[in-house]
Amino acid sequence: MVKDISFSDVQFEYSGGSDIQLHPDRSYGEFGCKAAPAAFYLQNAENVRLHRVRINWKNTDGPWQAALSAENVSGLELSECQLAAPAASK
């Protein structure tokens, strides 16, 4: 389990995504899966804090679904974040 992580005053820009592989029956943390369909994919974590974090989407071409996805996470704190979902890919 990952514990006590924080991001503050940061901006991330995401583009592309055609290499994202969706595997609903597998964890994205397993070997063999290239990426999760979210900018931040949190799994099995405790006390994660995002403060003034911004996600920008540019020229996406994959199955991006969300800026943030969390599974089995406790103590998640979000403040003053811009975590909009990506625009639908064409």
C-alpha atoms as a PDB file:
ATOM      1  CA  MET A   1       0.000   0.000   0.000  1.00  0.00           C
ATOM      2  CA  VAL A   2       1.200   3.505  -0.861  1.00  0.00           C
ATOM      3  CA  LYS A   3       0.850   6.048   1.958  1.00  0.00           C
ATOM      4  CA  ASP A   4       1.196   9.759   2.618  1.00  0.00           C
ATOM      5  CA  ILE A   5       1.668  11.263  -0.850  1.00  0.00           C
ATOM      6  CA  SER A   6       0.906  14.839  -1.836  1.00  0.00           C
ATOM      7  CA  PHE A   7       1.003  16.923  -4.989  1.00  0.00           C
ATOM      8  CA  SER A   8       0.720  20.676  -4.656  1.00  0.00           C
ATOM      9  CA  ASP A   9       0.764  23.509  -7.206  1.00  0.00           C
ATOM     10  CA  VAL A  10       1.407  21.303 -10.234  1.00  0.00           C
ATOM     11  CA  GLN A  11       0.005  21.085 -13.742  1.00  0.00           C
ATOM     12  CA  PHE A  12       0.034  17.971 -15.923  1.00  0.00           C
ATOM     13  CA  GLU A  13      -0.654  17.887 -19.660  1.00  0.00           C
ATOM     14  CA  TYR A  14      -1.882  14.687 -21.274  1.00  0.00           C
ATOM     15  CA  SER A  15      -2.052  13.895 -24.978  1.00  0.00           C
ATOM     16  CA  GLY A  16      -2.224  10.819 -27.167  1.00  0.00           C
ATOM     17  CA  GLY A  17      -3.501   7.696 -25.496  1.00  0.00           C
ATOM     18  CA  SER A  18      -3.852   5.292 -28.401  1.00  0.00           C
ATOM     19  CA  ASP A  19      -1.607   2.855 -26.495  1.00  0.00           C
ATOM     20  CA  ILE A  20      -3.990   2.645 -23.518  1.00  0.00           C
ATOM     21  CA  GLN A  21      -5.277  -0.879 -23.090  1.00  0.00           C
ATOM     22  CA  LEU A  22      -8.511  -1.381 -21.184  1.00  0.00           C
ATOM     23  CA  HIS A  23      -8.587  -4.583 -19.150  1.00  0.00           C
ATOM     24  CA  PRO A  24     -11.551  -4.566 -16.765  1.00  0.00           C
ATOM     25  CA  ASP A  25     -10.511  -7.899 -15.240  1.00  0.00           C
ATOM     26  CA  ARG A  26      -6.931  -6.802 -14.418  1.00  0.00           C
ATOM     27  CA  SER A  27      -5.349  -4.198 -12.204  1.00  0.00           C
ATOM     28  CA  TYR A  28      -3.575  -1.395 -14.055  1.00  0.00           C
ATOM     29  CA  GLY A  29      -0.669  -1.897 -11.678  1.00  0.00           C
ATOM     30  CA  GLU A  30       0.133  -5.317 -13.136  1.00  0.00           C
ATOM     31  CA  PHE A  31       2.915  -5.830 -15.626  1.00  0.00           C
ATOM     32  CA  GLY A  32       1.845  -5.975 -19.245  1.00  0.00           C
ATOM     33  CA  CYS A  33      -0.718  -3.175 -19.106  1.00  0.00           C
ATOM     34  CA  LYS A  34       0.619   0.088 -20.497  1.00  0.00           C
ATOM     35  CA  ALA A  35      -1.616   2.686 -18.890  1.00  0.00           C
ATOM     36  CA  ALA A  36      -4.876   3.343 -17.111  1.00  0.00           C
ATOM     37  CA  PRO A  37      -7.619   5.420 -18.779  1.00  0.00           C
ATOM     38  CA  ALA A  38      -7.178   8.197 -16.174  1.00  0.00           C
ATOM     39  CA  ALA A  39      -4.496  10.825 -15.641  1.00  0.00           C
ATOM     40  CA  PHE A  40      -4.245   9.841 -11.964  1.00  0.00           C
ATOM     41  CA  TYR A  41      -4.998   6.197 -11.229  1.00  0.00           C
ATOM     42  CA  LEU A  42      -4.836   5.564  -7.494  1.00  0.00           C
ATOM     43  CA  GLN A  43      -5.092   2.053  -6.135  1.00  0.00           C
ATOM     44  CA  ASN A  44      -4.415   0.713  -2.641  1.00  0.00           C
ATOM     45  CA  ALA A  45      -3.391   4.069  -1.223  1.00  0.00           C
ATOM     46  CA  GLU A  46      -3.823   5.948   2.020  1.00  0.00           C
ATOM     47  CA  ASN A  47      -3.627   9.663   2.775  1.00  0.00           C
ATOM     48  CA  VAL A  48      -3.244  11.120  -0.724  1.00  0.00           C
ATOM     49  CA  ARG A  49      -3.531  14.898  -0.997  1.00  0.00           C
ATOM     50  CA  LEU A  50      -3.941  16.895  -4.220  1.00  0.00           C
ATOM     51  CA  HIS A  51      -3.839  20.670  -3.754  1.00  0.00           C
ATOM     52  CA  ARG A  52      -4.061  23.054  -6.710  1.00  0.00           C
ATOM     53  CA  VAL A  53      -3.465  20.245  -9.206  1.00  0.00           C
ATOM     54  CA  ARG A  54      -4.547  20.886 -12.790  1.00  0.00           C
ATOM     55  CA  ILE A  55      -4.971  18.368 -15.602  1.00  0.00           C
ATOM     56  CA  ASN A  56      -4.897  19.713 -19.166  1.00  0.00           C
ATOM     57  CA  TRP A  57      -5.953  17.531 -22.089  1.00  0.00           C
ATOM     58  CA  LYS A  58      -4.332  18.158 -25.504  1.00  0.00           C
ATOM     59  CA  ASN A  59      -4.892  16.173 -28.711  1.00  0.00           C
ATOM     60  CA  THR A  60      -6.135  12.998 -27.052  1.00  0.00           C
ATOM     61  CA  ASP A  61      -6.725   9.998 -29.289  1.00  0.00           C
ATOM     62  CA  GLY A  62      -7.319   7.150 -26.878  1.00  0.00           C
ATOM     63  CA  PRO A  63      -9.920   5.860 -24.456  1.00  0.00           C
ATOM     64  CA  TRP A  64      -9.243   8.424 -21.719  1.00  0.00           C
ATOM     65  CA  GLN A  65     -12.145   8.377 -19.257  1.00  0.00           C
ATOM     66  CA  ALA A  66     -11.275  10.600 -16.312  1.00  0.00           C
ATOM     67  CA  ALA A  67      -8.712  12.874 -14.733  1.00  0.00           C
ATOM     68  CA  LEU A  68      -8.831  10.847 -11.513  1.00  0.00           C
ATOM     69  CA  SER A  69      -9.756   7.276 -10.722  1.00  0.00           C
ATOM     70  CA  ALA A  70      -9.430   5.839  -7.211  1.00  0.00           C
ATOM     71  CA  GLU A  71      -9.896   2.282  -5.999  1.00  0.00           C
ATOM     72  CA  ASN A  72      -9.344   1.094  -2.434  1.00  0.00           C
ATOM     73  CA  VAL A  73      -8.158   4.557  -1.348  1.00  0.00           C
ATOM     74  CA  SER A  74      -8.737   6.136   2.054  1.00  0.00           C
ATOM     75  CA  GLY A  75      -7.952   9.658   3.145  1.00  0.00           C
ATOM     76  CA  LEU A  76      -8.095  11.237  -0.324  1.00  0.00           C
ATOM     77  CA  GLU A  77      -8.099  15.033  -0.067  1.00  0.00           C
ATOM     78  CA  LEU A  78      -8.773  17.306  -3.051  1.00  0.00           C
ATOM     79  CA  SER A  79      -8.573  21.082  -2.766  1.00  0.00           C
ATOM     80  CA  GLU A  80      -8.637  23.764  -5.437  1.00  0.00           C
ATOM     81  CA  CYS A  81      -8.052  21.183  -8.186  1.00  0.00           C
ATOM     82  CA  GLN A  82      -9.058  21.304 -11.858  1.00  0.00           C
ATOM     83  CA  LEU A  83      -9.705  17.675 -12.737  1.00  0.00           C
ATOM     84  CA  ALA A  84     -12.103  17.870 -15.681  1.00  0.00           C
ATOM     85  CA  ALA A  85     -12.795  14.764 -17.708  1.00  0.00           C
ATOM     86  CA  PRO A  86     -11.221  14.699 -21.157  1.00  0.00           C
ATOM     87  CA  ALA A  87     -13.226  15.597 -24.231  1.00  0.00           C
ATOM     88  CA  ALA A  88     -14.478  12.567 -26.141  1.00  0.00           C
ATOM     89  CA  SER A  89     -11.926  11.207 -28.602  1.00  0.00           C
ATOM     90  CA  LYS A  90     -12.786  11.363 -32.255  1.00  0.00           C
END
